[in-house]
PDB file of all heavy atoms in Angstrom:
ATOM      1  N   ARG A   1       8.644  -0.287  -2.297  1.00  0.00           N
ATOM      2  CA  ARG A   1       9.235   0.758  -3.133  1.00  0.00           C
ATOM      3  C   ARG A   1       9.020   2.145  -2.534  1.00  0.00           C
ATOM      4  O   ARG A   1       9.913   3.005  -2.601  1.00  0.00           O
ATOM      5  CB  ARG A   1       8.621   0.687  -4.528  1.00  0.00           C
ATOM      6  CG  ARG A   1       9.001  -0.582  -5.289  1.00  0.00           C
ATOM      7  CD  ARG A   1       8.258  -0.667  -6.598  1.00  0.00           C
ATOM      8  NE  ARG A   1       8.621  -1.890  -7.323  1.00  0.00           N
ATOM      9  CZ  ARG A   1       8.035  -2.285  -8.450  1.00  0.00           C
ATOM     10  NH1 ARG A   1       7.051  -1.570  -8.983  1.00  0.00           N
ATOM     11  NH2 ARG A   1       8.430  -3.404  -9.043  1.00  0.00           N
ATOM     12  N   ALA A   2       7.833   2.369  -1.954  1.00  0.00           N
ATOM     13  CA  ALA A   2       7.572   3.669  -1.339  1.00  0.00           C
ATOM     14  C   ALA A   2       8.487   3.902  -0.147  1.00  0.00           C
ATOM     15  O   ALA A   2       9.008   5.009   0.054  1.00  0.00           O
ATOM     16  CB  ALA A   2       6.106   3.759  -0.922  1.00  0.00           C
ATOM     17  N   ALA A   3       8.700   2.866   0.661  1.00  0.00           N
ATOM     18  CA  ALA A   3       9.573   3.023   1.827  1.00  0.00           C
ATOM     19  C   ALA A   3      11.017   3.255   1.406  1.00  0.00           C
ATOM     20  O   ALA A   3      11.718   4.105   1.961  1.00  0.00           O
ATOM     21  CB  ALA A   3       9.465   1.783   2.716  1.00  0.00           C
ATOM     22  N   LEU A   4      11.464   2.518   0.400  1.00  0.00           N
ATOM     23  CA  LEU A   4      12.851   2.682  -0.044  1.00  0.00           C
ATOM     24  C   LEU A   4      13.067   4.026  -0.728  1.00  0.00           C
ATOM     25  O   LEU A   4      14.200   4.537  -0.744  1.00  0.00           O
ATOM     26  CB  LEU A   4      13.227   1.539  -0.995  1.00  0.00           C
ATOM     27  CG  LEU A   4      13.311   0.146  -0.379  1.00  0.00           C
ATOM     28  CD1 LEU A   4      13.664  -0.887  -1.443  1.00  0.00           C
ATOM     29  CD2 LEU A   4      14.341   0.107   0.748  1.00  0.00           C
ATOM     30  N   SER A   5      12.013   4.619  -1.291  1.00  0.00           N
ATOM     31  CA  SER A   5      12.178   5.894  -1.988  1.00  0.00           C
ATOM     32  C   SER A   5      12.552   7.025  -1.054  1.00  0.00           C
ATOM     33  O   SER A   5      13.128   8.024  -1.480  1.00  0.00           O
ATOM     34  CB  SER A   5      10.888   6.241  -2.731  1.00  0.00           C
ATOM     35  OG  SER A   5       9.823   6.477  -1.811  1.00  0.00           O
ATOM     36  N   VAL A   6      12.230   6.891   0.243  1.00  0.00           N
ATOM     37  CA  VAL A   6      12.581   7.923   1.224  1.00  0.00           C
ATOM     38  C   VAL A   6      13.643   7.432   2.200  1.00  0.00           C
ATOM     39  O   VAL A   6      13.893   8.065   3.221  1.00  0.00           O
ATOM     40  CB  VAL A   6      11.328   8.375   2.001  1.00  0.00           C
ATOM     41  CG1 VAL A   6      10.340   9.059   1.068  1.00  0.00           C
ATOM     42  CG2 VAL A   6      10.672   7.202   2.706  1.00  0.00           C
ATOM     43  N   GLY A   7      14.219   6.254   1.895  1.00  0.00           N
ATOM     44  CA  GLY A   7      15.296   5.736   2.735  1.00  0.00           C
ATOM     45  C   GLY A   7      14.833   5.159   4.050  1.00  0.00           C
ATOM     46  O   GLY A   7      15.614   5.094   5.008  1.00  0.00           O
ATOM     47  N   ALA A   8      13.584   4.707   4.144  1.00  0.00           N
ATOM     48  CA  ALA A   8      13.042   4.139   5.383  1.00  0.00           C
ATOM     49  C   ALA A   8      12.864   2.640   5.182  1.00  0.00           C
ATOM     50  O   ALA A   8      11.917   2.204   4.543  1.00  0.00           O
ATOM     51  CB  ALA A   8      11.715   4.787   5.743  1.00  0.00           C
ATOM     52  N   ALA A   9      13.781   1.834   5.713  1.00  0.00           N
ATOM     53  CA  ALA A   9      13.736   0.379   5.552  1.00  0.00           C
ATOM     54  C   ALA A   9      13.185  -0.264   6.815  1.00  0.00           C
ATOM     55  O   ALA A   9      13.890  -0.976   7.536  1.00  0.00           O
ATOM     56  CB  ALA A   9      15.117  -0.165   5.227  1.00  0.00           C
ATOM     57  N   THR A  10      11.923   0.003   7.127  1.00  0.00           N
ATOM     58  CA  THR A  10      11.272  -0.598   8.279  1.00  0.00           C
ATOM     59  C   THR A  10       9.958  -1.235   7.843  1.00  0.00           C
ATOM     60  O   THR A  10       9.290  -0.761   6.912  1.00  0.00           O
ATOM     61  CB  THR A  10      10.988   0.444   9.380  1.00  0.00           C
ATOM     62  OG1 THR A  10      10.146   1.455   8.828  1.00  0.00           O
ATOM     63  CG2 THR A  10      12.282   1.062   9.883  1.00  0.00           C
ATOM     64  N   ALA A  11       9.594  -2.301   8.538  1.00  0.00           N
ATOM     65  CA  ALA A  11       8.391  -3.037   8.168  1.00  0.00           C
ATOM     66  C   ALA A  11       7.125  -2.239   8.437  1.00  0.00           C
ATOM     67  O   ALA A  11       6.117  -2.409   7.740  1.00  0.00           O
ATOM     68  CB  ALA A  11       8.349  -4.367   8.922  1.00  0.00           C
ATOM     69  N   ASP A  12       7.148  -1.356   9.434  1.00  0.00           N
ATOM     70  CA  ASP A  12       5.934  -0.591   9.749  1.00  0.00           C
ATOM     71  C   ASP A  12       5.553   0.341   8.601  1.00  0.00           C
ATOM     72  O   ASP A  12       4.383   0.467   8.239  1.00  0.00           O
ATOM     73  CB  ASP A  12       6.155   0.213  11.030  1.00  0.00           C
ATOM     74  CG  ASP A  12       6.273  -0.689  12.250  1.00  0.00           C
ATOM     75  OD1 ASP A  12       5.740  -1.807  12.174  1.00  0.00           O
ATOM     76  OD2 ASP A  12       6.910  -0.288  13.227  1.00  0.00           O
ATOM     77  N   ILE A  13       6.543   1.000   8.011  1.00  0.00           N
ATOM     78  CA  ILE A  13       6.233   1.895   6.899  1.00  0.00           C
ATOM     79  C   ILE A  13       5.743   1.092   5.701  1.00  0.00           C
ATOM     80  O   ILE A  13       4.788   1.478   5.010  1.00  0.00           O
ATOM     81  CB  ILE A  13       7.472   2.729   6.526  1.00  0.00           C
ATOM     82  CG1 ILE A  13       7.740   3.742   7.625  1.00  0.00           C
ATOM     83  CG2 ILE A  13       7.297   3.408   5.191  1.00  0.00           C
ATOM     84  CD1 ILE A  13       8.884   4.664   7.334  1.00  0.00           C
ATOM     85  N   VAL A  14       6.366  -0.036   5.456  1.00  0.00           N
ATOM     86  CA  VAL A  14       5.912  -0.883   4.353  1.00  0.00           C
ATOM     87  C   VAL A  14       4.466  -1.302   4.568  1.00  0.00           C
ATOM     88  O   VAL A  14       3.657  -1.299   3.635  1.00  0.00           O
ATOM     89  CB  VAL A  14       6.828  -2.109   4.209  1.00  0.00           C
ATOM     90  CG1 VAL A  14       6.278  -3.073   3.165  1.00  0.00           C
ATOM     91  CG2 VAL A  14       8.236  -1.694   3.833  1.00  0.00           C
ATOM     92  N   ALA A  15       4.117  -1.646   5.812  1.00  0.00           N
ATOM     93  CA  ALA A  15       2.745  -2.070   6.098  1.00  0.00           C
ATOM     94  C   ALA A  15       1.754  -0.946   5.852  1.00  0.00           C
ATOM     95  O   ALA A  15       0.690  -1.144   5.237  1.00  0.00           O
ATOM     96  CB  ALA A  15       2.651  -2.577   7.535  1.00  0.00           C
ATOM     97  N   VAL A  16       2.080   0.269   6.328  1.00  0.00           N
ATOM     98  CA  VAL A  16       1.169   1.398   6.147  1.00  0.00           C
ATOM     99  C   VAL A  16       0.982   1.711   4.665  1.00  0.00           C
ATOM    100  O   VAL A  16      -0.141   1.888   4.167  1.00  0.00           O
ATOM    101  CB  VAL A  16       1.706   2.619   6.915  1.00  0.00           C
ATOM    102  CG1 VAL A  16       0.897   3.873   6.570  1.00  0.00           C
ATOM    103  CG2 VAL A  16       1.644   2.370   8.416  1.00  0.00           C
ATOM    104  N   GLU A  17       2.100   1.764   3.932  1.00  0.00           N
ATOM    105  CA  GLU A  17       2.001   2.113   2.521  1.00  0.00           C
ATOM    106  C   GLU A  17       1.367   0.998   1.696  1.00  0.00           C
ATOM    107  O   GLU A  17       0.702   1.271   0.689  1.00  0.00           O
ATOM    108  CB  GLU A  17       3.395   2.457   1.983  1.00  0.00           C
ATOM    109  CG  GLU A  17       4.018   3.670   2.644  1.00  0.00           C
ATOM    110  CD  GLU A  17       3.112   4.891   2.551  1.00  0.00           C
ATOM    111  OE1 GLU A  17       2.493   5.083   1.476  1.00  0.00           O
ATOM    112  OE2 GLU A  17       3.004   5.637   3.538  1.00  0.00           O
ATOM    113  N   ALA A  18       1.561  -0.244   2.100  1.00  0.00           N
ATOM    114  CA  ALA A  18       0.917  -1.346   1.387  1.00  0.00           C
ATOM    115  C   ALA A  18      -0.589  -1.294   1.570  1.00  0.00           C
ATOM    116  O   ALA A  18      -1.356  -1.527   0.613  1.00  0.00           O
ATOM    117  CB  ALA A  18       1.471  -2.671   1.876  1.00  0.00           C
ATOM    118  N   ARG A  19      -1.045  -0.955   2.768  1.00  0.00           N
ATOM    119  CA  ARG A  19      -2.492  -0.833   2.993  1.00  0.00           C
ATOM    120  C   ARG A  19      -3.065   0.359   2.236  1.00  0.00           C
ATOM    121  O   ARG A  19      -4.192   0.296   1.736  1.00  0.00           O
ATOM    122  CB  ARG A  19      -2.785  -0.728   4.478  1.00  0.00           C
ATOM    123  CG  ARG A  19      -2.472  -2.006   5.255  1.00  0.00           C
ATOM    124  CD  ARG A  19      -2.961  -1.942   6.696  1.00  0.00           C
ATOM    125  NE  ARG A  19      -2.672  -3.183   7.393  1.00  0.00           N
ATOM    126  CZ  ARG A  19      -1.600  -3.395   8.146  1.00  0.00           C
ATOM    127  NH1 ARG A  19      -0.713  -2.408   8.298  1.00  0.00           N
ATOM    128  NH2 ARG A  19      -1.394  -4.544   8.748  1.00  0.00           N
ATOM    129  N   LYS A  20      -2.297   1.435   2.137  1.00  0.00           N
ATOM    130  CA  LYS A  20      -2.765   2.590   1.349  1.00  0.00           C
ATOM    131  C   LYS A  20      -2.879   2.218  -0.134  1.00  0.00           C
ATOM    132  O   LYS A  20      -3.836   2.605  -0.806  1.00  0.00           O
ATOM    133  CB  LYS A  20      -1.796   3.757   1.524  1.00  0.00           C
ATOM    134  CG  LYS A  20      -1.880   4.413   2.895  1.00  0.00           C
ATOM    135  CD  LYS A  20      -0.798   5.446   3.061  1.00  0.00           C
ATOM    136  CE  LYS A  20      -0.862   6.491   1.967  1.00  0.00           C
ATOM    137  NZ  LYS A  20       0.201   7.516   2.124  1.00  0.00           N
ATOM    138  N   ALA A  21      -1.925   1.441  -0.620  1.00  0.00           N
ATOM    139  CA  ALA A  21      -1.994   0.997  -2.012  1.00  0.00           C
ATOM    140  C   ALA A  21      -3.201   0.101  -2.237  1.00  0.00           C
ATOM    141  O   ALA A  21      -3.862   0.173  -3.279  1.00  0.00           O
ATOM    142  CB  ALA A  21      -0.705   0.276  -2.392  1.00  0.00           C
ATOM    143  N   ALA A  22      -3.516  -0.755  -1.248  1.00  0.00           N
ATOM    144  CA  ALA A  22      -4.680  -1.625  -1.380  1.00  0.00           C
ATOM    145  C   ALA A  22      -5.971  -0.810  -1.365  1.00  0.00           C
ATOM    146  O   ALA A  22      -6.919  -1.108  -2.098  1.00  0.00           O
ATOM    147  CB  ALA A  22      -4.684  -2.662  -0.259  1.00  0.00           C
ATOM    148  N   GLN A  23      -6.025   0.260  -0.539  1.00  0.00           N
ATOM    149  CA  GLN A  23      -7.228   1.101  -0.505  1.00  0.00           C
ATOM    150  C   GLN A  23      -7.395   1.886  -1.800  1.00  0.00           C
ATOM    151  O   GLN A  23      -8.503   2.053  -2.302  1.00  0.00           O
ATOM    152  CB  GLN A  23      -7.148   2.050   0.687  1.00  0.00           C
ATOM    153  CG  GLN A  23      -7.251   1.353   2.028  1.00  0.00           C
ATOM    154  CD  GLN A  23      -7.015   2.311   3.190  1.00  0.00           C
ATOM    155  OE1 GLN A  23      -6.756   3.493   2.984  1.00  0.00           O
ATOM    156  NE2 GLN A  23      -7.095   1.785   4.403  1.00  0.00           N
ATOM    157  N   ASN A  24      -6.295   2.346  -2.379  1.00  0.00           N
ATOM    158  CA  ASN A  24      -6.377   3.102  -3.632  1.00  0.00           C
ATOM    159  C   ASN A  24      -6.862   2.232  -4.779  1.00  0.00           C
ATOM    160  O   ASN A  24      -7.514   2.708  -5.707  1.00  0.00           O
ATOM    161  CB  ASN A  24      -5.015   3.698  -3.983  1.00  0.00           C
ATOM    162  CG  ASN A  24      -4.614   4.794  -3.010  1.00  0.00           C
ATOM    163  OD1 ASN A  24      -5.462   5.439  -2.396  1.00  0.00           O
ATOM    164  ND2 ASN A  24      -3.310   5.005  -2.862  1.00  0.00           N
ATOM    165  N   ALA A  25      -6.532   0.932  -4.709  1.00  0.00           N
ATOM    166  CA  ALA A  25      -6.984   0.020  -5.764  1.00  0.00           C
ATOM    167  C   ALA A  25      -8.486  -0.173  -5.724  1.00  0.00           C
ATOM    168  O   ALA A  25      -9.114  -0.456  -6.749  1.00  0.00           O
ATOM    169  CB  ALA A  25      -6.270  -1.326  -5.644  1.00  0.00           C
ATOM    170  N   GLY A  26      -9.103  -0.005  -4.545  1.00  0.00           N
ATOM    171  CA  GLY A  26     -10.547  -0.115  -4.429  1.00  0.00           C
ATOM    172  C   GLY A  26     -11.012  -1.550  -4.357  1.00  0.00           C
ATOM    173  O   GLY A  26     -10.254  -2.491  -4.628  1.00  0.00           O
ATOM    174  N   PRO A  27     -12.285  -1.754  -3.993  1.00  0.00           N
ATOM    175  CA  PRO A  27     -12.817  -3.129  -3.914  1.00  0.00           C
ATOM    176  C   PRO A  27     -12.989  -3.727  -5.298  1.00  0.00           C
ATOM    177  O   PRO A  27     -13.063  -3.028  -6.303  1.00  0.00           O
ATOM    178  CB  PRO A  27     -14.167  -2.942  -3.205  1.00  0.00           C
ATOM    179  CG  PRO A  27     -14.572  -1.548  -3.573  1.00  0.00           C
ATOM    180  CD  PRO A  27     -13.293  -0.744  -3.640  1.00  0.00           C
ATOM    181  N   SER A  28     -13.072  -5.036  -5.341  1.00  0.00           N
ATOM    182  CA  SER A  28     -13.290  -5.735  -6.607  1.00  0.00           C
ATOM    183  C   SER A  28     -14.686  -5.431  -7.116  1.00  0.00           C
ATOM    184  O   SER A  28     -15.649  -5.370  -6.343  1.00  0.00           O
ATOM    185  CB  SER A  28     -13.110  -7.241  -6.418  1.00  0.00           C
ATOM    186  OG  SER A  28     -11.800  -7.503  -5.961  1.00  0.00           O
ATOM    187  N   PRO A  29     -14.864  -5.200  -8.439  1.00  0.00           N
ATOM    188  CA  PRO A  29     -16.209  -4.909  -8.974  1.00  0.00           C
ATOM    189  C   PRO A  29     -17.126  -6.095  -8.795  1.00  0.00           C
ATOM    190  O   PRO A  29     -16.732  -7.235  -8.960  1.00  0.00           O
ATOM    191  CB  PRO A  29     -15.936  -4.624 -10.458  1.00  0.00           C
ATOM    192  CG  PRO A  29     -14.636  -5.312 -10.754  1.00  0.00           C
ATOM    193  CD  PRO A  29     -13.843  -5.248  -9.477  1.00  0.00           C
ATOM    194  N   THR A  30     -18.377  -5.802  -8.440  1.00  0.00           N
ATOM    195  CA  THR A  30     -19.365  -6.864  -8.242  1.00  0.00           C
ATOM    196  C   THR A  30     -20.050  -7.170  -9.561  1.00  0.00           C
ATOM    197  O   THR A  30     -20.069  -6.364 -10.489  1.00  0.00           O
ATOM    198  CB  THR A  30     -20.405  -6.430  -7.200  1.00  0.00           C
ATOM    199  OG1 THR A  30     -21.006  -5.219  -7.664  1.00  0.00           O
ATOM    200  CG2 THR A  30     -19.764  -6.202  -5.860  1.00  0.00           C
ATOM    201  N   ILE A  31     -20.655  -8.342  -9.635  1.00  0.00           N
ATOM    202  CA  ILE A  31     -21.367  -8.775 -10.843  1.00  0.00           C
ATOM    203  C   ILE A  31     -22.782  -8.225 -10.799  1.00  0.00           C
ATOM    204  O   ILE A  31     -23.515  -8.439  -9.832  1.00  0.00           O
ATOM    205  CB  ILE A  31     -21.377 -10.306 -10.940  1.00  0.00           C
ATOM    206  CG1 ILE A  31     -19.941 -10.816 -10.998  1.00  0.00           C
ATOM    207  CG2 ILE A  31     -22.170 -10.775 -12.129  1.00  0.00           C
ATOM    208  CD1 ILE A  31     -19.839 -12.321 -11.000  1.00  0.00           C
ATOM    209  N   THR A  32     -23.181  -7.496 -11.796  1.00  0.00           N
ATOM    210  CA  THR A  32     -24.525  -6.912 -11.859  1.00  0.00           C
ATOM    211  C   THR A  32     -25.223  -7.387 -13.114  1.00  0.00           C
ATOM    212  O   THR A  32     -24.615  -7.934 -14.026  1.00  0.00           O
ATOM    213  CB  THR A  32     -24.446  -5.373 -11.860  1.00  0.00           C
ATOM    214  OG1 THR A  32     -23.687  -4.967 -13.006  1.00  0.00           O
ATOM    215  CG2 THR A  32     -23.756  -4.863 -10.608  1.00  0.00           C
TER     216      THR A  32
END
C-alpha cells in the first residue's frame, strides 16, 4: 500500500517499506 500510494510498483520499495512496518510493530512482548 505504501508503494502504490506514491505510484512506485517495484518489489524493492515494497521490501523496504515492509521491513519498516515490521520494525515499527516492535518485538513480541516477553513473558515476565
